[in-house]
Protein backbone atom coordinates (compact mmCIF):
# COMPACT_ATOMS: atom_id res chain seq x y z
CA MET A 1 -8.22 -34.92 -47.34
CA ALA A 2 -4.77 -33.33 -47.58
CA TYR A 3 -1.31 -34.75 -48.10
CA GLY A 4 1.75 -32.96 -46.73
CA GLY A 5 5.43 -33.02 -47.50
CA GLY A 6 8.15 -30.60 -46.54
CA GLY A 7 6.45 -27.23 -46.29
CA PHE A 8 3.30 -28.12 -48.25
CA ALA A 9 -0.12 -29.63 -47.61
CA ILE A 10 -2.09 -30.34 -50.79
CA SER A 11 -5.52 -31.83 -51.45
CA TYR A 12 -6.03 -35.31 -52.89
CA PRO A 13 -7.20 -34.11 -56.37
CA LEU A 14 -4.18 -31.83 -56.66
CA ALA A 15 -1.92 -34.68 -55.58
CA LYS A 16 -3.29 -36.80 -58.43
CA GLU A 17 -2.72 -33.96 -60.91
CA LEU A 18 0.86 -33.57 -59.68
CA GLU A 19 1.43 -37.29 -60.14
CA LYS A 20 0.45 -36.94 -63.80
CA MET A 21 2.81 -33.99 -64.20
CA GLN A 22 5.74 -35.56 -62.34
CA ASP A 23 7.91 -36.41 -65.34
CA SER A 24 7.07 -33.38 -67.43
CA CYS A 25 7.00 -30.77 -64.70
CA ILE A 26 8.89 -31.65 -61.53
CA GLN A 27 11.91 -32.95 -63.49
CA ARG A 28 11.89 -29.75 -65.88
CA TYR A 29 12.93 -27.80 -62.95
CA PRO A 30 16.40 -29.29 -62.14
CA GLY A 31 17.76 -25.91 -61.03
CA LEU A 32 15.36 -25.53 -58.09
CA TYR A 33 16.52 -26.64 -54.66
CA GLY A 34 14.42 -29.23 -52.85
CA SER A 35 10.97 -30.69 -53.37
CA ASP A 36 9.16 -27.66 -51.94
CA ASP A 37 10.37 -25.31 -54.66
CA ARG A 38 9.63 -27.82 -57.40
CA ILE A 39 6.13 -28.60 -56.18
CA GLN A 40 5.37 -24.90 -55.87
CA ALA A 41 6.57 -24.35 -59.43
CA CYS A 42 4.30 -27.12 -60.71
CA MET A 43 1.35 -25.83 -58.70
CA ALA A 44 1.91 -22.46 -60.35
CA GLU A 45 1.55 -24.20 -63.74
CA LEU A 46 -1.78 -25.58 -62.54
CA GLY A 47 -2.81 -22.07 -61.56
CA VAL A 48 -3.07 -22.87 -57.85
CA PRO A 49 -1.73 -20.08 -55.58
CA LEU A 50 0.39 -20.72 -52.52
CA THR A 51 -1.52 -20.31 -49.25
CA LYS A 52 0.66 -19.10 -46.40
CA GLU A 53 -0.20 -20.53 -42.98
CA ARG A 54 1.41 -18.44 -40.25
CA GLY A 55 2.59 -20.54 -37.35
CA PHE A 56 4.12 -23.22 -39.57
CA HIS A 57 7.80 -22.28 -39.28
CA GLN A 58 8.89 -23.92 -42.52
CA TYR A 59 11.86 -21.58 -42.82
CA ASP A 60 15.05 -23.16 -44.09
CA VAL A 61 17.63 -21.31 -42.01
CA TYR A 62 20.80 -21.94 -40.04
CA GLY A 63 21.98 -20.54 -36.75
CA ASN A 64 20.04 -19.01 -33.87
CA LEU A 65 16.23 -19.03 -34.01
CA LEU A 66 15.93 -16.31 -31.35
CA GLY A 67 15.09 -13.66 -33.92
CA LEU A 68 12.27 -15.73 -35.43
CA LEU A 69 10.75 -17.21 -32.31
CA GLY A 70 11.17 -14.05 -30.24
CA ALA A 71 8.85 -12.24 -32.68
CA HIS A 72 6.27 -14.94 -33.25
CA PRO A 73 3.20 -13.71 -35.19
CA VAL A 74 -0.25 -13.60 -33.59
CA THR A 75 -1.12 -17.19 -34.47
CA PRO A 76 -0.72 -20.58 -32.75
CA LEU A 77 2.72 -22.17 -32.86
CA VAL A 78 2.22 -25.23 -35.06
CA SER A 79 5.61 -26.52 -36.15
CA LEU A 80 9.35 -25.95 -36.10
CA HIS A 81 11.51 -26.91 -39.05
CA HIS A 82 15.02 -28.37 -39.51
CA LEU A 83 15.85 -28.43 -35.82
CA ASP A 84 18.83 -30.63 -36.66
CA VAL A 85 20.72 -27.76 -38.34
CA VAL A 86 19.90 -24.84 -36.04
CA ASP A 87 21.30 -24.02 -32.62
CA PRO A 88 19.47 -25.41 -29.55
CA ILE A 89 16.57 -23.07 -28.84
CA PHE A 90 17.85 -22.68 -25.26
CA PRO A 91 21.61 -22.04 -25.09
CA GLY A 92 23.81 -24.29 -23.00
CA ILE A 93 21.65 -27.41 -23.27
CA SER A 94 21.02 -29.97 -25.99
CA ARG A 95 18.36 -29.65 -28.67
CA VAL A 96 16.27 -32.39 -27.07
CA ASN A 97 16.51 -30.90 -23.58
CA GLY A 98 15.62 -27.51 -25.02
CA LEU A 99 12.43 -28.88 -26.56
CA GLN A 100 11.56 -30.62 -23.32
CA ARG A 101 11.88 -27.31 -21.48
CA LEU A 102 9.62 -25.67 -24.04
CA PHE A 103 7.04 -28.42 -23.54
CA GLU A 104 6.92 -27.59 -19.84
CA SER A 105 5.47 -24.20 -20.77
CA SER A 106 3.21 -25.83 -23.33
CA LYS A 107 1.68 -28.09 -20.68
CA LEU A 108 0.72 -25.05 -18.64
CA ASP A 109 -0.76 -22.94 -21.44
CA SER A 110 -0.27 -24.35 -24.94
CA ALA A 111 -2.52 -21.75 -26.62
CA ASN A 112 -0.16 -18.94 -25.68
CA LEU A 113 3.19 -20.60 -26.32
CA MET A 114 5.65 -18.21 -28.04
CA GLN A 115 3.06 -15.43 -28.28
CA GLN A 116 4.77 -12.06 -28.34
CA SER A 117 3.87 -9.19 -26.02
CA ILE A 118 5.40 -5.72 -26.15
CA CYS A 119 5.56 -3.16 -23.35
CA TYR A 120 7.69 -0.31 -22.04
CA ASP A 121 9.29 0.60 -18.73
CA LYS A 122 8.87 4.36 -18.94
CA GLU A 123 10.85 5.13 -15.80
CA ARG A 124 13.97 3.35 -17.06
CA TYR A 125 13.31 4.02 -20.74
CA TRP A 126 13.32 0.33 -21.71
CA SER A 127 11.54 -1.50 -24.52
CA ILE A 128 10.54 -5.06 -23.59
CA SER A 129 9.53 -7.93 -25.83
CA VAL A 130 8.11 -11.12 -24.28
CA SER A 131 7.80 -14.40 -26.16
CA TRP A 132 5.80 -16.31 -23.56
CA GLY A 133 7.30 -19.59 -22.41
CA TYR A 134 10.53 -18.88 -24.27
CA VAL A 135 12.33 -15.57 -23.89
CA VAL A 136 12.18 -11.97 -22.65
CA GLN A 137 14.32 -9.27 -24.29
CA ILE A 138 15.05 -5.84 -22.82
CA ILE A 139 16.35 -3.06 -25.07
CA ARG A 140 17.47 0.37 -23.94
CA GLY A 141 15.56 3.22 -25.54
CA ASN A 142 12.28 3.32 -27.41
CA VAL A 143 11.85 0.71 -30.13
CA SER A 144 8.41 0.79 -31.75
CA PRO A 145 6.07 -2.24 -31.76
CA ARG A 146 6.27 -2.21 -35.55
CA GLU A 147 10.00 -2.90 -35.32
CA LEU A 148 9.84 -5.35 -32.43
CA GLU A 149 7.31 -7.59 -34.16
CA MET A 150 9.75 -7.95 -37.07
CA PRO A 151 12.25 -10.86 -36.71
CA SER A 152 15.82 -9.78 -36.01
CA ARG A 153 18.51 -11.42 -38.12
CA THR A 154 20.07 -13.83 -35.63
CA PHE A 155 20.05 -16.55 -38.30
CA LEU A 156 21.46 -17.20 -41.77
CA ASN A 157 19.61 -18.31 -44.89
CA TRP A 158 19.83 -21.84 -46.27
CA TYR A 159 22.97 -20.96 -48.22
CA ARG A 160 24.54 -19.67 -44.98
CA ARG A 161 24.84 -16.13 -46.19
CA ALA A 162 24.05 -13.00 -44.22
CA ASP A 163 21.88 -11.77 -47.10
CA TYR A 164 18.76 -10.14 -45.69
CA THR A 165 17.19 -9.94 -49.17
CA ALA A 166 17.01 -13.74 -49.41
CA TYR A 167 14.06 -14.15 -47.03
CA ALA A 168 10.37 -14.29 -47.96
CA PHE A 169 9.57 -12.06 -44.96
CA ASN A 170 10.78 -8.75 -43.58
CA THR A 171 13.66 -8.77 -41.09
CA ARG A 172 15.60 -6.18 -39.11
CA PRO A 173 19.19 -5.99 -37.86
CA VAL A 174 19.88 -7.34 -34.39
CA THR A 175 20.72 -3.82 -33.27
CA LYS A 176 20.87 -0.41 -34.91
CA HIS A 177 23.08 1.06 -32.19
CA PRO A 178 25.55 -0.70 -29.85
CA CYS A 179 23.60 0.58 -26.84
CA GLN A 180 20.48 -1.20 -28.11
CA LYS A 181 21.84 -4.72 -28.10
CA PRO A 182 19.11 -6.76 -26.36
CA PHE A 183 19.58 -8.22 -22.90
CA VAL A 184 18.16 -11.72 -23.29
CA TYR A 185 16.44 -13.78 -20.59
CA TYR A 186 15.53 -17.38 -21.39
CA MET A 187 12.80 -19.31 -19.61
CA ASN A 188 14.26 -21.64 -17.00
CA THR A 189 11.34 -22.95 -14.95
CA ALA A 190 7.59 -22.51 -14.90
CA LYS A 191 4.92 -23.71 -12.49
CA PHE A 192 1.23 -23.21 -11.83
CA ASP A 193 0.18 -21.50 -8.60
CA HIS A 194 -3.23 -23.02 -7.83
CA SER A 195 -3.95 -20.60 -4.98
CA ARG A 196 -3.66 -17.59 -7.32
CA ASN A 197 -4.65 -19.33 -10.56
CA GLN A 198 -1.59 -18.06 -12.36
CA ILE A 199 1.56 -19.33 -14.02
CA ILE A 200 4.89 -18.22 -12.58
CA GLY A 201 7.78 -18.31 -15.04
CA ILE A 202 11.42 -17.65 -14.13
CA TYR A 203 13.62 -16.31 -16.91
CA TYR A 204 17.41 -16.26 -16.42
CA ARG A 205 19.70 -13.77 -18.10
CA HIS A 206 21.87 -15.19 -20.87
CA ARG A 207 25.35 -13.94 -20.10
CA GLU A 208 27.21 -12.56 -23.08
CA SER A 209 29.43 -9.57 -23.68
CA SER A 210 27.82 -6.26 -24.50
CA PRO A 211 29.44 -3.34 -26.30
CA SER A 212 30.31 -0.29 -24.26
CA CYS A 213 27.53 2.28 -24.07
CA ARG A 214 27.74 5.95 -23.15
CA TRP A 215 24.00 6.46 -22.88
CA LYS A 216 22.82 7.70 -19.50
CA ILE A 217 19.85 5.34 -19.68
CA GLU A 218 19.93 2.75 -16.89
CA SER A 219 21.35 -0.56 -18.05
CA PRO A 220 19.45 -3.85 -17.52
CA GLU A 221 22.78 -5.55 -16.72
CA ASN A 222 21.92 -5.67 -13.01
CA ILE A 223 18.72 -7.62 -13.71
CA ASN A 224 19.60 -11.30 -13.33
CA ASN A 225 16.12 -12.85 -13.32
CA ILE A 226 12.69 -11.97 -14.63
CA VAL A 227 9.63 -13.32 -12.81
CA LEU A 228 6.75 -13.39 -15.28
CA LEU A 229 3.16 -13.87 -14.09
CA LYS A 230 0.36 -15.01 -16.37
CA ARG A 231 -3.12 -16.50 -16.11
CA PRO A 232 -3.93 -19.39 -18.48
CA ASP A 233 -6.17 -18.48 -21.40
CA ASN A 234 -7.42 -21.61 -23.16
CA ASN A 235 -9.99 -19.63 -25.14
CA ARG A 236 -7.43 -17.34 -26.73
CA TRP A 237 -8.08 -18.45 -30.30
CA GLN A 238 -11.85 -18.30 -29.91
CA LYS A 239 -11.54 -14.50 -29.79
CA SER A 240 -10.38 -11.96 -32.35
CA PRO A 241 -6.59 -12.34 -32.74
CA ARG A 242 -4.65 -9.67 -30.90
CA ARG A 243 -1.21 -9.45 -29.36
CA ASP A 244 -1.22 -9.71 -25.55
CA CYS A 245 -0.25 -6.80 -23.33
CA CYS A 246 2.39 -6.86 -20.62
CA GLY A 247 3.77 -4.60 -17.93
CA VAL A 248 6.40 -4.17 -15.23
CA LEU A 249 5.24 -4.71 -11.65
CA PRO A 250 6.57 -2.71 -8.67
CA SER A 251 9.27 -4.45 -6.66
CA ASN A 252 10.86 -3.73 -3.31
CA ASN A 253 14.39 -2.41 -2.96
CA ASN A 254 15.65 -5.76 -1.67
CA SER A 255 15.17 -7.45 -5.04
CA LYS A 256 16.98 -5.15 -7.44
CA SER A 257 18.34 -8.16 -9.33
CA ASN A 258 14.80 -9.38 -10.10
CA LEU A 259 12.30 -7.79 -12.48
CA TYR A 260 8.64 -8.69 -11.92
CA MET A 261 6.28 -8.59 -14.89
CA TRP A 262 2.80 -9.67 -15.95
CA VAL A 263 1.44 -10.67 -19.33
CA GLY A 264 -2.14 -11.29 -20.43
CA SER A 265 -5.11 -10.16 -22.48
CA CYS A 266 -5.24 -6.42 -23.06
CA ARG A 267 -7.86 -4.52 -21.13
CA ASP A 268 -10.31 -2.15 -22.86
CA GLY A 269 -8.40 0.76 -24.33
CA GLU A 270 -4.99 -0.69 -23.46
CA ILE A 271 -2.24 -0.44 -26.07
CA SER A 272 1.55 -0.90 -26.30
CA ASP A 273 2.17 2.78 -25.66
CA LEU A 274 5.65 4.17 -26.37
């Protein structure tokens, strides 16, 4: 049996040991912030290491969670933390309405919620990151999968400082070059097409100013909507963990403002090829 609090889950015997140590240990650490830090310090005195469970987003941050949730690790989404101090996960609507929208995707395919896929449009020289059920980001130029799976710093640490050394995980700047500022498309609606046994998600572009760019690479600014197709995969976590693959589908000339994509399990030999 385990008991949880804040960012920890501890077994019953350890909980009893911590009770014995409460006065002598937890209160000898007055300089640590919050119960999590103090309990971890006392567990270190017991010789018990900290076990990291990916998928529990127990990060104490402020601001925009896009960078974190847009690069979700290959593990089920289990929890979100301190939603009262971060921006709504979908801009322009309330926190509650944003969570309700996220649950709409969860009802269709909960096992794949927030799972990141990475692919490339080689004709237009675009790098694309998909966080299923949440957001699609298009970046001009080639950005490697190693970089894209690293959270971009759209958020601040608990002390509200833009100090990238304060995190317990690696991060990257939002953009290295003005031309590589992401074009962001948030999930708006999703439905299940029974005739084709697939989920159809519509992602709308989040309108915000972009710096001027002199690159001759085609800009995604004319893409207003992304139509993302996916088949449900309830057995995802019964297989060896692996990031999904994705790709751009051909579209007719009458729908230049729409980008059609697919996402799903990688086929044999398929990789996120630059």
